[in-house]
Amino acid sequence: QSKPQAKMNVQYSDVLAKFCAQYDVPN
């Protein structure tokens, strides 16, 4: 993975983690 892509993947995972925590859907 390129550095820009790796950075975006980290951002994606942060967004998803916050979304799942907000709506209580860890699965």
PDB file of all heavy atoms in Angstrom:
ATOM      1  N   GLN A   1       0.834  -1.191   0.000  1.00  0.00           N
ATOM      2  CA  GLN A   1       0.000   0.000   0.000  1.00  0.00           C
ATOM      3  C   GLN A   1       0.870   1.242   0.000  1.00  0.00           C
ATOM      4  O   GLN A   1       1.869   1.311   0.722  1.00  0.00           O
ATOM      5  CB  GLN A   1      -0.901   0.026   1.233  1.00  0.00           C
ATOM      6  CG  GLN A   1      -2.023  -0.987   1.207  1.00  0.00           C
ATOM      7  CD  GLN A   1      -2.943  -0.791   2.387  1.00  0.00           C
ATOM      8  OE1 GLN A   1      -2.533  -0.267   3.417  1.00  0.00           O
ATOM      9  NE2 GLN A   1      -4.190  -1.195   2.233  1.00  0.00           N
ATOM     10  N   SER A   2       0.461   2.213  -0.819  1.00  0.00           N
ATOM     11  CA  SER A   2       1.165   3.482  -0.814  1.00  0.00           C
ATOM     12  C   SER A   2       0.889   4.205   0.488  1.00  0.00           C
ATOM     13  O   SER A   2      -0.079   3.917   1.188  1.00  0.00           O
ATOM     14  CB  SER A   2       0.700   4.339  -2.001  1.00  0.00           C
ATOM     15  OG  SER A   2      -0.655   4.696  -1.824  1.00  0.00           O
ATOM     16  N   LYS A   3       1.751   5.181   0.827  1.00  0.00           N
ATOM     17  CA  LYS A   3       1.557   5.936   2.066  1.00  0.00           C
ATOM     18  C   LYS A   3       0.228   6.692   2.078  1.00  0.00           C
ATOM     19  O   LYS A   3      -0.473   6.694   3.097  1.00  0.00           O
ATOM     20  CB  LYS A   3       2.734   6.885   2.282  1.00  0.00           C
ATOM     21  CG  LYS A   3       4.020   6.165   2.692  1.00  0.00           C
ATOM     22  CD  LYS A   3       5.126   7.163   2.990  1.00  0.00           C
ATOM     23  CE  LYS A   3       6.396   6.429   3.443  1.00  0.00           C
ATOM     24  NZ  LYS A   3       7.486   7.381   3.755  1.00  0.00           N
ATOM     25  N   PRO A   4      -0.142   7.359   0.951  1.00  0.00           N
ATOM     26  CA  PRO A   4      -1.446   8.045   0.960  1.00  0.00           C
ATOM     27  C   PRO A   4      -2.610   7.078   1.184  1.00  0.00           C
ATOM     28  O   PRO A   4      -3.552   7.391   1.910  1.00  0.00           O
ATOM     29  CB  PRO A   4      -1.518   8.687  -0.432  1.00  0.00           C
ATOM     30  CG  PRO A   4      -0.092   8.859  -0.839  1.00  0.00           C
ATOM     31  CD  PRO A   4       0.629   7.671  -0.278  1.00  0.00           C
ATOM     32  N   GLN A   5      -2.526   5.877   0.555  1.00  0.00           N
ATOM     33  CA  GLN A   5      -3.595   4.905   0.724  1.00  0.00           C
ATOM     34  C   GLN A   5      -3.644   4.383   2.151  1.00  0.00           C
ATOM     35  O   GLN A   5      -4.705   4.216   2.743  1.00  0.00           O
ATOM     36  CB  GLN A   5      -3.420   3.727  -0.250  1.00  0.00           C
ATOM     37  CG  GLN A   5      -4.562   2.713  -0.209  1.00  0.00           C
ATOM     38  CD  GLN A   5      -5.877   3.336  -0.604  1.00  0.00           C
ATOM     39  OE1 GLN A   5      -5.991   3.985  -1.644  1.00  0.00           O
ATOM     40  NE2 GLN A   5      -6.901   3.161   0.236  1.00  0.00           N
ATOM     41  N   ALA A   6      -2.469   4.138   2.714  1.00  0.00           N
ATOM     42  CA  ALA A   6      -2.404   3.665   4.099  1.00  0.00           C
ATOM     43  C   ALA A   6      -2.984   4.709   5.054  1.00  0.00           C
ATOM     44  O   ALA A   6      -3.682   4.369   6.015  1.00  0.00           O
ATOM     45  CB  ALA A   6      -0.958   3.339   4.473  1.00  0.00           C
ATOM     46  N   LYS A   7      -2.706   5.982   4.781  1.00  0.00           N
ATOM     47  CA  LYS A   7      -3.241   7.063   5.614  1.00  0.00           C
ATOM     48  C   LYS A   7      -4.759   7.103   5.528  1.00  0.00           C
ATOM     49  O   LYS A   7      -5.454   7.268   6.549  1.00  0.00           O
ATOM     50  CB  LYS A   7      -2.643   8.401   5.171  1.00  0.00           C
ATOM     51  CG  LYS A   7      -3.116   9.581   6.020  1.00  0.00           C
ATOM     52  CD  LYS A   7      -2.469  10.875   5.548  1.00  0.00           C
ATOM     53  CE  LYS A   7      -2.962  12.044   6.386  1.00  0.00           C
ATOM     54  NZ  LYS A   7      -2.351  13.332   5.952  1.00  0.00           N
ATOM     55  N   MET A   8      -5.290   6.945   4.291  1.00  0.00           N
ATOM     56  CA  MET A   8      -6.750   6.957   4.131  1.00  0.00           C
ATOM     57  C   MET A   8      -7.389   5.768   4.838  1.00  0.00           C
ATOM     58  O   MET A   8      -8.455   5.881   5.427  1.00  0.00           O
ATOM     59  CB  MET A   8      -7.121   6.956   2.637  1.00  0.00           C
ATOM     60  CG  MET A   8      -7.077   8.341   2.014  1.00  0.00           C
ATOM     61  SD  MET A   8      -7.894   8.444   0.419  1.00  0.00           S
ATOM     62  CE  MET A   8      -6.767   7.477  -0.575  1.00  0.00           C
ATOM     63  N   ASN A   9      -6.723   4.615   4.806  1.00  0.00           N
ATOM     64  CA  ASN A   9      -7.266   3.442   5.481  1.00  0.00           C
ATOM     65  C   ASN A   9      -7.376   3.667   6.988  1.00  0.00           C
ATOM     66  O   ASN A   9      -8.315   3.215   7.634  1.00  0.00           O
ATOM     67  CB  ASN A   9      -6.401   2.210   5.192  1.00  0.00           C
ATOM     68  CG  ASN A   9      -6.641   1.661   3.800  1.00  0.00           C
ATOM     69  OD1 ASN A   9      -7.588   2.054   3.121  1.00  0.00           O
ATOM     70  ND2 ASN A   9      -5.781   0.761   3.362  1.00  0.00           N
ATOM     71  N   VAL A  10      -6.387   4.372   7.537  1.00  0.00           N
ATOM     72  CA  VAL A  10      -6.448   4.717   8.959  1.00  0.00           C
ATOM     73  C   VAL A  10      -7.639   5.643   9.218  1.00  0.00           C
ATOM     74  O   VAL A  10      -8.364   5.481  10.213  1.00  0.00           O
ATOM     75  CB  VAL A  10      -5.135   5.383   9.409  1.00  0.00           C
ATOM     76  CG1 VAL A  10      -5.273   5.944  10.822  1.00  0.00           C
ATOM     77  CG2 VAL A  10      -3.987   4.391   9.354  1.00  0.00           C
ATOM     78  N   GLN A  11      -7.856   6.595   8.310  1.00  0.00           N
ATOM     79  CA  GLN A  11      -8.997   7.503   8.459  1.00  0.00           C
ATOM     80  C   GLN A  11     -10.317   6.747   8.346  1.00  0.00           C
ATOM     81  O   GLN A  11     -11.260   7.000   9.099  1.00  0.00           O
ATOM     82  CB  GLN A  11      -8.927   8.606   7.392  1.00  0.00           C
ATOM     83  CG  GLN A  11      -7.772   9.578   7.600  1.00  0.00           C
ATOM     84  CD  GLN A  11      -7.694  10.597   6.476  1.00  0.00           C
ATOM     85  OE1 GLN A  11      -7.576  10.263   5.294  1.00  0.00           O
ATOM     86  NE2 GLN A  11      -7.781  11.866   6.848  1.00  0.00           N
ATOM     87  N   TYR A  12     -10.377   5.804   7.392  1.00  0.00           N
ATOM     88  CA  TYR A  12     -11.578   4.985   7.254  1.00  0.00           C
ATOM     89  C   TYR A  12     -11.879   4.239   8.553  1.00  0.00           C
ATOM     90  O   TYR A  12     -13.015   4.195   9.022  1.00  0.00           O
ATOM     91  CB  TYR A  12     -11.413   3.962   6.127  1.00  0.00           C
ATOM     92  CG  TYR A  12     -11.304   4.531   4.742  1.00  0.00           C
ATOM     93  CD1 TYR A  12     -10.512   3.911   3.780  1.00  0.00           C
ATOM     94  CD2 TYR A  12     -11.995   5.682   4.370  1.00  0.00           C
ATOM     95  CE1 TYR A  12     -10.403   4.411   2.494  1.00  0.00           C
ATOM     96  CE2 TYR A  12     -11.893   6.189   3.093  1.00  0.00           C
ATOM     97  CZ  TYR A  12     -11.086   5.558   2.151  1.00  0.00           C
ATOM     98  OH  TYR A  12     -10.986   6.060   0.882  1.00  0.00           O
ATOM     99  N   SER A  13     -10.848   3.623   9.115  1.00  0.00           N
ATOM    100  CA  SER A  13     -11.037   2.826  10.324  1.00  0.00           C
ATOM    101  C   SER A  13     -11.469   3.705  11.498  1.00  0.00           C
ATOM    102  O   SER A  13     -12.284   3.285  12.328  1.00  0.00           O
ATOM    103  CB  SER A  13      -9.754   2.052  10.662  1.00  0.00           C
ATOM    104  OG  SER A  13      -8.702   2.928  11.002  1.00  0.00           O
ATOM    105  N   ASP A  14     -10.944   4.928  11.562  1.00  0.00           N
ATOM    106  CA  ASP A  14     -11.359   5.850  12.622  1.00  0.00           C
ATOM    107  C   ASP A  14     -12.839   6.214  12.489  1.00  0.00           C
ATOM    108  O   ASP A  14     -13.575   6.241  13.477  1.00  0.00           O
ATOM    109  CB  ASP A  14     -10.505   7.121  12.583  1.00  0.00           C
ATOM    110  CG  ASP A  14      -9.077   6.890  13.085  1.00  0.00           C
ATOM    111  OD1 ASP A  14      -8.850   5.857  13.744  1.00  0.00           O
ATOM    112  OD2 ASP A  14      -8.210   7.742  12.805  1.00  0.00           O
ATOM    113  N   VAL A  15     -13.246   6.498  11.248  1.00  0.00           N
ATOM    114  CA  VAL A  15     -14.647   6.840  10.996  1.00  0.00           C
ATOM    115  C   VAL A  15     -15.554   5.674  11.383  1.00  0.00           C
ATOM    116  O   VAL A  15     -16.586   5.847  12.041  1.00  0.00           O
ATOM    117  CB  VAL A  15     -14.849   7.212   9.507  1.00  0.00           C
ATOM    118  CG1 VAL A  15     -16.340   7.217   9.157  1.00  0.00           C
ATOM    119  CG2 VAL A  15     -14.246   8.577   9.214  1.00  0.00           C
ATOM    120  N   LEU A  16     -15.173   4.462  10.978  1.00  0.00           N
ATOM    121  CA  LEU A  16     -15.987   3.288  11.269  1.00  0.00           C
ATOM    122  C   LEU A  16     -16.064   3.021  12.774  1.00  0.00           C
ATOM    123  O   LEU A  16     -17.126   2.706  13.310  1.00  0.00           O
ATOM    124  CB  LEU A  16     -15.434   2.065  10.547  1.00  0.00           C
ATOM    125  CG  LEU A  16     -16.211   0.766  10.756  1.00  0.00           C
ATOM    126  CD1 LEU A  16     -17.649   0.905  10.274  1.00  0.00           C
ATOM    127  CD2 LEU A  16     -15.520  -0.397  10.062  1.00  0.00           C
ATOM    128  N   ALA A  17     -14.930   3.159  13.460  1.00  0.00           N
ATOM    129  CA  ALA A  17     -14.904   2.921  14.909  1.00  0.00           C
ATOM    130  C   ALA A  17     -15.838   3.887  15.626  1.00  0.00           C
ATOM    131  O   ALA A  17     -16.603   3.487  16.521  1.00  0.00           O
ATOM    132  CB  ALA A  17     -13.482   3.055  15.436  1.00  0.00           C
ATOM    133  N   LYS A  18     -15.809   5.147  15.241  1.00  0.00           N
ATOM    134  CA  LYS A  18     -16.675   6.146  15.874  1.00  0.00           C
ATOM    135  C   LYS A  18     -18.141   5.863  15.551  1.00  0.00           C
ATOM    136  O   LYS A  18     -19.024   6.005  16.406  1.00  0.00           O
ATOM    137  CB  LYS A  18     -16.280   7.552  15.410  1.00  0.00           C
ATOM    138  CG  LYS A  18     -14.927   8.011  15.932  1.00  0.00           C
ATOM    139  CD  LYS A  18     -14.560   9.383  15.377  1.00  0.00           C
ATOM    140  CE  LYS A  18     -13.180   9.818  15.864  1.00  0.00           C
ATOM    141  NZ  LYS A  18     -12.773  11.134  15.279  1.00  0.00           N
ATOM    142  N   PHE A  19     -18.402   5.462  14.310  1.00  0.00           N
ATOM    143  CA  PHE A  19     -19.770   5.168  13.883  1.00  0.00           C
ATOM    144  C   PHE A  19     -20.334   3.997  14.691  1.00  0.00           C
ATOM    145  O   PHE A  19     -21.447   4.060  15.201  1.00  0.00           O
ATOM    146  CB  PHE A  19     -19.786   4.831  12.389  1.00  0.00           C
ATOM    147  CG  PHE A  19     -21.155   4.621  11.813  1.00  0.00           C
ATOM    148  CD1 PHE A  19     -21.859   5.683  11.258  1.00  0.00           C
ATOM    149  CD2 PHE A  19     -21.745   3.373  11.824  1.00  0.00           C
ATOM    150  CE1 PHE A  19     -23.126   5.499  10.729  1.00  0.00           C
ATOM    151  CE2 PHE A  19     -23.006   3.170  11.300  1.00  0.00           C
ATOM    152  CZ  PHE A  19     -23.704   4.241  10.753  1.00  0.00           C
ATOM    153  N   CYS A  20     -19.560   2.928  14.817  1.00  0.00           N
ATOM    154  CA  CYS A  20     -20.018   1.737  15.542  1.00  0.00           C
ATOM    155  C   CYS A  20     -20.210   2.027  17.030  1.00  0.00           C
ATOM    156  O   CYS A  20     -21.135   1.502  17.656  1.00  0.00           O
ATOM    157  CB  CYS A  20     -19.026   0.592  15.351  1.00  0.00           C
ATOM    158  SG  CYS A  20     -18.945  -0.006  13.649  1.00  0.00           S
ATOM    159  N   ALA A  21     -19.356   2.856  17.585  1.00  0.00           N
ATOM    160  CA  ALA A  21     -19.495   3.221  18.992  1.00  0.00           C
ATOM    161  C   ALA A  21     -20.735   4.090  19.201  1.00  0.00           C
ATOM    162  O   ALA A  21     -21.484   3.912  20.168  1.00  0.00           O
ATOM    163  CB  ALA A  21     -18.251   3.948  19.468  1.00  0.00           C
ATOM    164  N   GLN A  22     -20.971   5.020  18.286  1.00  0.00           N
ATOM    165  CA  GLN A  22     -22.104   5.930  18.408  1.00  0.00           C
ATOM    166  C   GLN A  22     -23.433   5.189  18.369  1.00  0.00           C
ATOM    167  O   GLN A  22     -24.365   5.523  19.104  1.00  0.00           O
ATOM    168  CB  GLN A  22     -22.066   6.977  17.288  1.00  0.00           C
ATOM    169  CG  GLN A  22     -23.212   7.980  17.348  1.00  0.00           C
ATOM    170  CD  GLN A  22     -23.113   9.022  16.245  1.00  0.00           C
ATOM    171  OE1 GLN A  22     -22.139   9.062  15.478  1.00  0.00           O
ATOM    172  NE2 GLN A  22     -24.136   9.863  16.138  1.00  0.00           N
ATOM    173  N   TYR A  23     -23.532   4.165  17.489  1.00  0.00           N
ATOM    174  CA  TYR A  23     -24.797   3.452  17.309  1.00  0.00           C
ATOM    175  C   TYR A  23     -24.822   2.090  17.979  1.00  0.00           C
ATOM    176  O   TYR A  23     -25.755   1.317  17.775  1.00  0.00           O
ATOM    177  CB  TYR A  23     -25.109   3.338  15.814  1.00  0.00           C
ATOM    178  CG  TYR A  23     -25.284   4.686  15.174  1.00  0.00           C
ATOM    179  CD1 TYR A  23     -24.312   5.215  14.326  1.00  0.00           C
ATOM    180  CD2 TYR A  23     -26.406   5.465  15.447  1.00  0.00           C
ATOM    181  CE1 TYR A  23     -24.453   6.472  13.762  1.00  0.00           C
ATOM    182  CE2 TYR A  23     -26.563   6.713  14.887  1.00  0.00           C
ATOM    183  CZ  TYR A  23     -25.583   7.213  14.041  1.00  0.00           C
ATOM    184  OH  TYR A  23     -25.725   8.459  13.490  1.00  0.00           O
ATOM    185  N   ASP A  24     -23.793   1.803  18.776  1.00  0.00           N
ATOM    186  CA  ASP A  24     -23.747   0.573  19.571  1.00  0.00           C
ATOM    187  C   ASP A  24     -23.925  -0.672  18.704  1.00  0.00           C
ATOM    188  O   ASP A  24     -24.740  -1.552  18.986  1.00  0.00           O
ATOM    189  CB  ASP A  24     -24.816   0.617  20.670  1.00  0.00           C
ATOM    190  CG  ASP A  24     -24.653  -0.512  21.680  1.00  0.00           C
ATOM    191  OD1 ASP A  24     -23.522  -0.997  21.835  1.00  0.00           O
ATOM    192  OD2 ASP A  24     -25.652  -0.892  22.314  1.00  0.00           O
ATOM    193  N   VAL A  25     -23.145  -0.744  17.624  1.00  0.00           N
ATOM    194  CA  VAL A  25     -23.163  -1.920  16.737  1.00  0.00           C
ATOM    195  C   VAL A  25     -21.725  -2.405  16.528  1.00  0.00           C
ATOM    196  O   VAL A  25     -21.167  -2.298  15.426  1.00  0.00           O
ATOM    197  CB  VAL A  25     -23.838  -1.607  15.387  1.00  0.00           C
ATOM    198  CG1 VAL A  25     -25.341  -1.600  15.506  1.00  0.00           C
ATOM    199  CG2 VAL A  25     -23.342  -0.274  14.816  1.00  0.00           C
ATOM    200  N   PRO A  26     -21.091  -2.959  17.565  1.00  0.00           N
ATOM    201  CA  PRO A  26     -19.697  -3.390  17.435  1.00  0.00           C
ATOM    202  C   PRO A  26     -19.489  -4.453  16.367  1.00  0.00           C
ATOM    203  O   PRO A  26     -18.404  -4.533  15.768  1.00  0.00           O
ATOM    204  CB  PRO A  26     -19.366  -3.928  18.831  1.00  0.00           C
ATOM    205  CG  PRO A  26     -20.691  -4.242  19.455  1.00  0.00           C
ATOM    206  CD  PRO A  26     -21.636  -3.230  18.907  1.00  0.00           C
ATOM    207  N   ASN A  27     -20.508  -5.279  16.112  1.00  0.00           N
ATOM    208  CA  ASN A  27     -20.371  -6.328  15.093  1.00  0.00           C
ATOM    209  C   ASN A  27     -20.178  -5.768  13.695  1.00  0.00           C
ATOM    210  O   ASN A  27     -19.674  -6.456  12.808  1.00  0.00           O
ATOM    211  CB  ASN A  27     -21.613  -7.235  15.096  1.00  0.00           C
ATOM    212  CG  ASN A  27     -21.690  -8.095  16.330  1.00  0.00           C
ATOM    213  OD1 ASN A  27     -20.673  -8.415  16.924  1.00  0.00           O
ATOM    214  ND2 ASN A  27     -22.890  -8.482  16.728  1.00  0.00           N
TER     215      ASN A  27
END
